[in-house]
């Protein structure tokens, strides 16, 4: 799931994928704004055929947190 998120994130912001860790923060480290973040989540929903709760998504601040959440939905 982590690798899939890297692919999706690359559509919205520029970053060095080798430097992204589970603790990488979307806004502070990668420069995501709220619009880009929500659009990326929409793409994740479409590609993974999942439904992400907006309230929960707003509390997920790191790549690892989102990956774990998506894996839980996918289980």
PDB file of N, CA and C in Angstrom:
ATOM      1  N   UNK A   1       0.826  -1.191   0.000  1.00  0.00           N
ATOM      2  CA  UNK A   1       0.000   0.000   0.000  1.00  0.00           C
ATOM      3  C   UNK A   1       0.875   1.263   0.000  1.00  0.00           C
ATOM      4  N   UNK A   2       1.997   1.197   0.702  1.00  0.00           N
ATOM      5  CA  UNK A   2       2.907   2.335   0.794  1.00  0.00           C
ATOM      6  C   UNK A   2       3.378   2.759  -0.605  1.00  0.00           C
ATOM      7  N   UNK A   3       3.757   1.776  -1.424  1.00  0.00           N
ATOM      8  CA  UNK A   3       4.247   2.071  -2.770  1.00  0.00           C
ATOM      9  C   UNK A   3       3.148   2.667  -3.637  1.00  0.00           C
ATOM     10  N   UNK A   4       1.919   2.179  -3.471  1.00  0.00           N
ATOM     11  CA  UNK A   4       0.797   2.709  -4.229  1.00  0.00           C
ATOM     12  C   UNK A   4       0.556   4.178  -3.862  1.00  0.00           C
ATOM     13  N   UNK A   5       0.675   4.491  -2.579  1.00  0.00           N
ATOM     14  CA  UNK A   5       0.520   5.881  -2.151  1.00  0.00           C
ATOM     15  C   UNK A   5       1.585   6.773  -2.772  1.00  0.00           C
ATOM     16  N   UNK A   6       2.797   6.287  -2.851  1.00  0.00           N
ATOM     17  CA  UNK A   6       3.883   7.060  -3.477  1.00  0.00           C
ATOM     18  C   UNK A   6       3.496   7.417  -4.912  1.00  0.00           C
ATOM     19  N   UNK A   7       2.965   6.433  -5.643  1.00  0.00           N
ATOM     20  CA  UNK A   7       2.537   6.672  -7.024  1.00  0.00           C
ATOM     21  C   UNK A   7       1.445   7.738  -7.084  1.00  0.00           C
ATOM     22  N   UNK A   8       0.457   7.627  -6.216  1.00  0.00           N
ATOM     23  CA  UNK A   8      -0.648   8.584  -6.208  1.00  0.00           C
ATOM     24  C   UNK A   8      -0.179   9.983  -5.819  1.00  0.00           C
ATOM     25  N   UNK A   9       0.700  10.071  -4.834  1.00  0.00           N
ATOM     26  CA  UNK A   9       1.194  11.372  -4.369  1.00  0.00           C
ATOM     27  C   UNK A   9       1.969  12.092  -5.454  1.00  0.00           C
ATOM     28  N   UNK A  10       2.665  11.336  -6.282  1.00  0.00           N
ATOM     29  CA  UNK A  10       3.489  11.935  -7.340  1.00  0.00           C
ATOM     30  C   UNK A  10       2.651  12.699  -8.362  1.00  0.00           C
ATOM     31  N   UNK A  11       1.356  12.430  -8.410  1.00  0.00           N
ATOM     32  CA  UNK A  11       0.476  13.163  -9.322  1.00  0.00           C
ATOM     33  C   UNK A  11       0.161  14.570  -8.817  1.00  0.00           C
ATOM     34  N   UNK A  12       0.504  14.854  -7.574  1.00  0.00           N
ATOM     35  CA  UNK A  12       0.109  16.128  -6.960  1.00  0.00           C
ATOM     36  C   UNK A  12       1.266  17.001  -6.492  1.00  0.00           C
ATOM     37  N   UNK A  13       2.327  16.407  -6.021  1.00  0.00           N
ATOM     38  CA  UNK A  13       3.478  17.191  -5.554  1.00  0.00           C
ATOM     39  C   UNK A  13       4.763  16.521  -6.023  1.00  0.00           C
ATOM     40  N   UNK A  14       5.823  17.322  -6.092  1.00  0.00           N
ATOM     41  CA  UNK A  14       7.134  16.794  -6.463  1.00  0.00           C
ATOM     42  C   UNK A  14       7.904  16.441  -5.202  1.00  0.00           C
ATOM     43  N   UNK A  15       8.544  15.270  -5.205  1.00  0.00           N
ATOM     44  CA  UNK A  15       9.330  14.834  -4.062  1.00  0.00           C
ATOM     45  C   UNK A  15      10.248  13.715  -4.505  1.00  0.00           C
ATOM     46  N   UNK A  16      11.222  13.409  -3.676  1.00  0.00           N
ATOM     47  CA  UNK A  16      12.128  12.293  -3.921  1.00  0.00           C
ATOM     48  C   UNK A  16      11.547  11.079  -3.206  1.00  0.00           C
ATOM     49  N   UNK A  17      11.036  10.128  -3.967  1.00  0.00           N
ATOM     50  CA  UNK A  17      10.370   8.963  -3.394  1.00  0.00           C
ATOM     51  C   UNK A  17      11.281   8.202  -2.432  1.00  0.00           C
ATOM     52  N   UNK A  18      12.581   8.229  -2.672  1.00  0.00           N
ATOM     53  CA  UNK A  18      13.518   7.517  -1.810  1.00  0.00           C
ATOM     54  C   UNK A  18      13.576   8.117  -0.407  1.00  0.00           C
ATOM     55  N   UNK A  19      13.157   9.367  -0.266  1.00  0.00           N
ATOM     56  CA  UNK A  19      13.221  10.034   1.032  1.00  0.00           C
ATOM     57  C   UNK A  19      11.912   9.946   1.818  1.00  0.00           C
ATOM     58  N   UNK A  20      10.874   9.397   1.226  1.00  0.00           N
ATOM     59  CA  UNK A  20       9.582   9.291   1.905  1.00  0.00           C
ATOM     60  C   UNK A  20       9.599   8.084   2.838  1.00  0.00           C
ATOM     61  N   UNK A  21       9.222   8.338   4.084  1.00  0.00           N
ATOM     62  CA  UNK A  21       9.130   7.263   5.072  1.00  0.00           C
ATOM     63  C   UNK A  21       7.710   7.232   5.628  1.00  0.00           C
ATOM     64  N   UNK A  22       7.451   6.307   6.515  1.00  0.00           N
ATOM     65  CA  UNK A  22       6.136   6.228   7.136  1.00  0.00           C
ATOM     66  C   UNK A  22       5.840   7.478   7.972  1.00  0.00           C
ATOM     67  N   UNK A  23       6.877   8.163   8.424  1.00  0.00           N
ATOM     68  CA  UNK A  23       6.707   9.352   9.253  1.00  0.00           C
ATOM     69  C   UNK A  23       6.652  10.654   8.452  1.00  0.00           C
ATOM     70  N   UNK A  24       6.763  10.557   7.132  1.00  0.00           N
ATOM     71  CA  UNK A  24       6.696  11.744   6.291  1.00  0.00           C
ATOM     72  C   UNK A  24       5.293  12.334   6.376  1.00  0.00           C
ATOM     73  N   UNK A  25       5.234  13.642   6.661  1.00  0.00           N
ATOM     74  CA  UNK A  25       3.948  14.330   6.804  1.00  0.00           C
ATOM     75  C   UNK A  25       3.533  14.941   5.463  1.00  0.00           C
ATOM     76  N   UNK A  26       2.250  14.846   5.180  1.00  0.00           N
ATOM     77  CA  UNK A  26       1.752  15.337   3.898  1.00  0.00           C
ATOM     78  C   UNK A  26       1.954  16.840   3.735  1.00  0.00           C
ATOM     79  N   UNK A  27       1.500  17.618   4.674  1.00  0.00           N
ATOM     80  CA  UNK A  27       1.573  19.079   4.534  1.00  0.00           C
ATOM     81  C   UNK A  27       2.978  19.602   4.799  1.00  0.00           C
ATOM     82  N   UNK A  28       3.528  19.280   5.952  1.00  0.00           N
ATOM     83  CA  UNK A  28       4.798  19.867   6.376  1.00  0.00           C
ATOM     84  C   UNK A  28       5.989  19.394   5.558  1.00  0.00           C
ATOM     85  N   UNK A  29       6.019  18.118   5.206  1.00  0.00           N
ATOM     86  CA  UNK A  29       7.191  17.568   4.520  1.00  0.00           C
ATOM     87  C   UNK A  29       7.040  17.525   2.998  1.00  0.00           C
ATOM     88  N   UNK A  30       5.830  17.276   2.523  1.00  0.00           N
ATOM     89  CA  UNK A  30       5.622  17.112   1.088  1.00  0.00           C
ATOM     90  C   UNK A  30       4.971  18.320   0.423  1.00  0.00           C
ATOM     91  N   UNK A  31       4.418  19.223   1.216  1.00  0.00           N
ATOM     92  CA  UNK A  31       3.829  20.434   0.660  1.00  0.00           C
ATOM     93  C   UNK A  31       2.407  20.281   0.143  1.00  0.00           C
ATOM     94  N   UNK A  32       1.713  19.237   0.569  1.00  0.00           N
ATOM     95  CA  UNK A  32       0.318  19.073   0.170  1.00  0.00           C
ATOM     96  C   UNK A  32      -0.530  20.184   0.775  1.00  0.00           C
ATOM     97  N   UNK A  33      -1.442  20.734  -0.009  1.00  0.00           N
ATOM     98  CA  UNK A  33      -2.467  21.588   0.562  1.00  0.00           C
ATOM     99  C   UNK A  33      -3.718  20.714   0.716  1.00  0.00           C
ATOM    100  N   UNK A  34      -4.730  21.225   1.369  1.00  0.00           N
ATOM    101  CA  UNK A  34      -5.902  20.400   1.660  1.00  0.00           C
ATOM    102  C   UNK A  34      -6.618  19.947   0.390  1.00  0.00           C
ATOM    103  N   UNK A  35      -6.644  20.785  -0.616  1.00  0.00           N
ATOM    104  CA  UNK A  35      -7.306  20.415  -1.870  1.00  0.00           C
ATOM    105  C   UNK A  35      -6.584  19.247  -2.541  1.00  0.00           C
ATOM    106  N   UNK A  36      -5.261  19.354  -2.670  1.00  0.00           N
ATOM    107  CA  UNK A  36      -4.490  18.274  -3.298  1.00  0.00           C
ATOM    108  C   UNK A  36      -4.622  16.978  -2.513  1.00  0.00           C
ATOM    109  N   UNK A  37      -4.606  17.091  -1.183  1.00  0.00           N
ATOM    110  CA  UNK A  37      -4.725  15.909  -0.331  1.00  0.00           C
ATOM    111  C   UNK A  37      -6.061  15.204  -0.571  1.00  0.00           C
ATOM    112  N   UNK A  38      -7.147  15.971  -0.600  1.00  0.00           N
ATOM    113  CA  UNK A  38      -8.465  15.369  -0.804  1.00  0.00           C
ATOM    114  C   UNK A  38      -8.599  14.794  -2.216  1.00  0.00           C
ATOM    115  N   UNK A  39      -8.019  15.450  -3.197  1.00  0.00           N
ATOM    116  CA  UNK A  39      -8.043  14.911  -4.560  1.00  0.00           C
ATOM    117  C   UNK A  39      -7.275  13.600  -4.639  1.00  0.00           C
ATOM    118  N   UNK A  40      -6.125  13.542  -3.973  1.00  0.00           N
ATOM    119  CA  UNK A  40      -5.345  12.310  -3.960  1.00  0.00           C
ATOM    120  C   UNK A  40      -6.140  11.181  -3.300  1.00  0.00           C
ATOM    121  N   UNK A  41      -6.857  11.515  -2.216  1.00  0.00           N
ATOM    122  CA  UNK A  41      -7.680  10.503  -1.551  1.00  0.00           C
ATOM    123  C   UNK A  41      -8.786  10.014  -2.480  1.00  0.00           C
ATOM    124  N   UNK A  42      -9.342  10.908  -3.268  1.00  0.00           N
ATOM    125  CA  UNK A  42     -10.351  10.510  -4.251  1.00  0.00           C
ATOM    126  C   UNK A  42      -9.778   9.540  -5.268  1.00  0.00           C
ATOM    127  N   UNK A  43      -8.562   9.814  -5.709  1.00  0.00           N
ATOM    128  CA  UNK A  43      -7.887   8.890  -6.632  1.00  0.00           C
ATOM    129  C   UNK A  43      -7.659   7.532  -5.967  1.00  0.00           C
ATOM    130  N   UNK A  44      -7.269   7.555  -4.699  1.00  0.00           N
ATOM    131  CA  UNK A  44      -7.040   6.308  -3.962  1.00  0.00           C
ATOM    132  C   UNK A  44      -8.334   5.503  -3.865  1.00  0.00           C
ATOM    133  N   UNK A  45      -9.433   6.199  -3.589  1.00  0.00           N
ATOM    134  CA  UNK A  45     -10.730   5.514  -3.524  1.00  0.00           C
ATOM    135  C   UNK A  45     -11.053   4.836  -4.846  1.00  0.00           C
ATOM    136  N   UNK A  46     -10.837   5.554  -5.947  1.00  0.00           N
ATOM    137  CA  UNK A  46     -11.142   5.007  -7.264  1.00  0.00           C
ATOM    138  C   UNK A  46     -10.255   3.809  -7.602  1.00  0.00           C
ATOM    139  N   UNK A  47      -8.965   3.957  -7.393  1.00  0.00           N
ATOM    140  CA  UNK A  47      -8.023   2.895  -7.773  1.00  0.00           C
ATOM    141  C   UNK A  47      -8.130   1.666  -6.885  1.00  0.00           C
ATOM    142  N   UNK A  48      -8.369   1.891  -5.604  1.00  0.00           N
ATOM    143  CA  UNK A  48      -8.400   0.774  -4.651  1.00  0.00           C
ATOM    144  C   UNK A  48      -9.813   0.266  -4.388  1.00  0.00           C
ATOM    145  N   UNK A  49     -10.795   0.950  -4.983  1.00  0.00           N
ATOM    146  CA  UNK A  49     -12.201   0.598  -4.805  1.00  0.00           C
ATOM    147  C   UNK A  49     -12.577   0.533  -3.325  1.00  0.00           C
ATOM    148  N   UNK A  50     -12.233   1.628  -2.626  1.00  0.00           N
ATOM    149  CA  UNK A  50     -12.516   1.769  -1.202  1.00  0.00           C
ATOM    150  C   UNK A  50     -13.268   3.065  -0.970  1.00  0.00           C
ATOM    151  N   UNK A  51     -13.890   3.185   0.202  1.00  0.00           N
ATOM    152  CA  UNK A  51     -14.519   4.445   0.580  1.00  0.00           C
ATOM    153  C   UNK A  51     -13.814   4.980   1.821  1.00  0.00           C
ATOM    154  N   UNK A  52     -13.231   6.157   1.677  1.00  0.00           N
ATOM    155  CA  UNK A  52     -12.473   6.780   2.762  1.00  0.00           C
ATOM    156  C   UNK A  52     -13.367   7.795   3.459  1.00  0.00           C
ATOM    157  N   UNK A  53     -13.467   7.696   4.772  1.00  0.00           N
ATOM    158  CA  UNK A  53     -14.260   8.653   5.543  1.00  0.00           C
ATOM    159  C   UNK A  53     -13.500   9.971   5.637  1.00  0.00           C
ATOM    160  N   UNK A  54     -14.152  11.073   5.252  1.00  0.00           N
ATOM    161  CA  UNK A  54     -13.490  12.384   5.251  1.00  0.00           C
ATOM    162  C   UNK A  54     -13.003  12.779   6.633  1.00  0.00           C
ATOM    163  N   UNK A  55     -13.808  12.523   7.645  1.00  0.00           N
ATOM    164  CA  UNK A  55     -13.417  12.894   9.012  1.00  0.00           C
ATOM    165  C   UNK A  55     -12.147  12.165   9.428  1.00  0.00           C
ATOM    166  N   UNK A  56     -12.078  10.878   9.129  1.00  0.00           N
ATOM    167  CA  UNK A  56     -10.888  10.097   9.458  1.00  0.00           C
ATOM    168  C   UNK A  56      -9.702  10.574   8.637  1.00  0.00           C
ATOM    169  N   UNK A  57      -9.917  10.800   7.354  1.00  0.00           N
ATOM    170  CA  UNK A  57      -8.837  11.223   6.466  1.00  0.00           C
ATOM    171  C   UNK A  57      -8.208  12.525   6.939  1.00  0.00           C
ATOM    172  N   UNK A  58      -9.004  13.416   7.495  1.00  0.00           N
ATOM    173  CA  UNK A  58      -8.498  14.685   7.980  1.00  0.00           C
ATOM    174  C   UNK A  58      -7.570  14.557   9.170  1.00  0.00           C
ATOM    175  N   UNK A  59      -7.663  13.454   9.878  1.00  0.00           N
ATOM    176  CA  UNK A  59      -6.804  13.236  11.052  1.00  0.00           C
ATOM    177  C   UNK A  59      -5.505  12.517  10.700  1.00  0.00           C
ATOM    178  N   UNK A  60      -5.404  11.981   9.504  1.00  0.00           N
ATOM    179  CA  UNK A  60      -4.206  11.232   9.098  1.00  0.00           C
ATOM    180  C   UNK A  60      -3.162  12.208   8.574  1.00  0.00           C
ATOM    181  N   UNK A  61      -2.060  12.325   9.277  1.00  0.00           N
ATOM    182  CA  UNK A  61      -1.064  13.348   8.945  1.00  0.00           C
ATOM    183  C   UNK A  61       0.177  12.799   8.245  1.00  0.00           C
ATOM    184  N   UNK A  62       0.425  11.475   8.357  1.00  0.00           N
ATOM    185  CA  UNK A  62       1.641  10.916   7.758  1.00  0.00           C
ATOM    186  C   UNK A  62       1.293   9.868   6.707  1.00  0.00           C
ATOM    187  N   UNK A  63       2.248   9.601   5.861  1.00  0.00           N
ATOM    188  CA  UNK A  63       2.076   8.588   4.818  1.00  0.00           C
ATOM    189  C   UNK A  63       1.812   7.225   5.465  1.00  0.00           C
ATOM    190  N   UNK A  64       2.509   6.925   6.542  1.00  0.00           N
ATOM    191  CA  UNK A  64       2.321   5.647   7.228  1.00  0.00           C
ATOM    192  C   UNK A  64       0.933   5.503   7.826  1.00  0.00           C
ATOM    193  N   UNK A  65       0.407   6.579   8.398  1.00  0.00           N
ATOM    194  CA  UNK A  65      -0.941   6.533   8.968  1.00  0.00           C
ATOM    195  C   UNK A  65      -1.976   6.258   7.888  1.00  0.00           C
ATOM    196  N   UNK A  66      -1.833   6.932   6.751  1.00  0.00           N
ATOM    197  CA  UNK A  66      -2.784   6.719   5.664  1.00  0.00           C
ATOM    198  C   UNK A  66      -2.646   5.306   5.098  1.00  0.00           C
ATOM    199  N   UNK A  67      -1.421   4.842   4.925  1.00  0.00           N
ATOM    200  CA  UNK A  67      -1.211   3.490   4.399  1.00  0.00           C
ATOM    201  C   UNK A  67      -1.852   2.457   5.314  1.00  0.00           C
ATOM    202  N   UNK A  68      -1.665   2.604   6.620  1.00  0.00           N
ATOM    203  CA  UNK A  68      -2.247   1.660   7.575  1.00  0.00           C
ATOM    204  C   UNK A  68      -3.774   1.710   7.527  1.00  0.00           C
ATOM    205  N   UNK A  69      -4.331   2.905   7.428  1.00  0.00           N
ATOM    206  CA  UNK A  69      -5.786   3.066   7.348  1.00  0.00           C
ATOM    207  C   UNK A  69      -6.328   2.371   6.098  1.00  0.00           C
ATOM    208  N   UNK A  70      -5.680   2.606   4.962  1.00  0.00           N
ATOM    209  CA  UNK A  70      -6.135   1.988   3.708  1.00  0.00           C
ATOM    210  C   UNK A  70      -6.000   0.474   3.739  1.00  0.00           C
ATOM    211  N   UNK A  71      -4.927  -0.015   4.334  1.00  0.00           N
ATOM    212  CA  UNK A  71      -4.762  -1.461   4.464  1.00  0.00           C
ATOM    213  C   UNK A  71      -5.884  -2.056   5.316  1.00  0.00           C
ATOM    214  N   UNK A  72      -6.280  -1.330   6.372  1.00  0.00           N
ATOM    215  CA  UNK A  72      -7.380  -1.785   7.209  1.00  0.00           C
ATOM    216  C   UNK A  72      -8.691  -1.845   6.452  1.00  0.00           C
ATOM    217  N   UNK A  73      -8.923  -0.875   5.578  1.00  0.00           N
ATOM    218  CA  UNK A  73     -10.140  -0.880   4.764  1.00  0.00           C
ATOM    219  C   UNK A  73     -10.123  -2.003   3.731  1.00  0.00           C
ATOM    220  N   UNK A  74      -8.936  -2.319   3.285  1.00  0.00           N
ATOM    221  CA  UNK A  74      -8.756  -3.322   2.229  1.00  0.00           C
ATOM    222  C   UNK A  74      -8.815  -4.741   2.768  1.00  0.00           C
ATOM    223  N   UNK A  75      -8.730  -4.886   4.087  1.00  0.00           N
ATOM    224  CA  UNK A  75      -8.690  -6.233   4.695  1.00  0.00           C
ATOM    225  C   UNK A  75     -10.033  -6.914   4.654  1.00  0.00           C
TER     226      UNK A  75
END
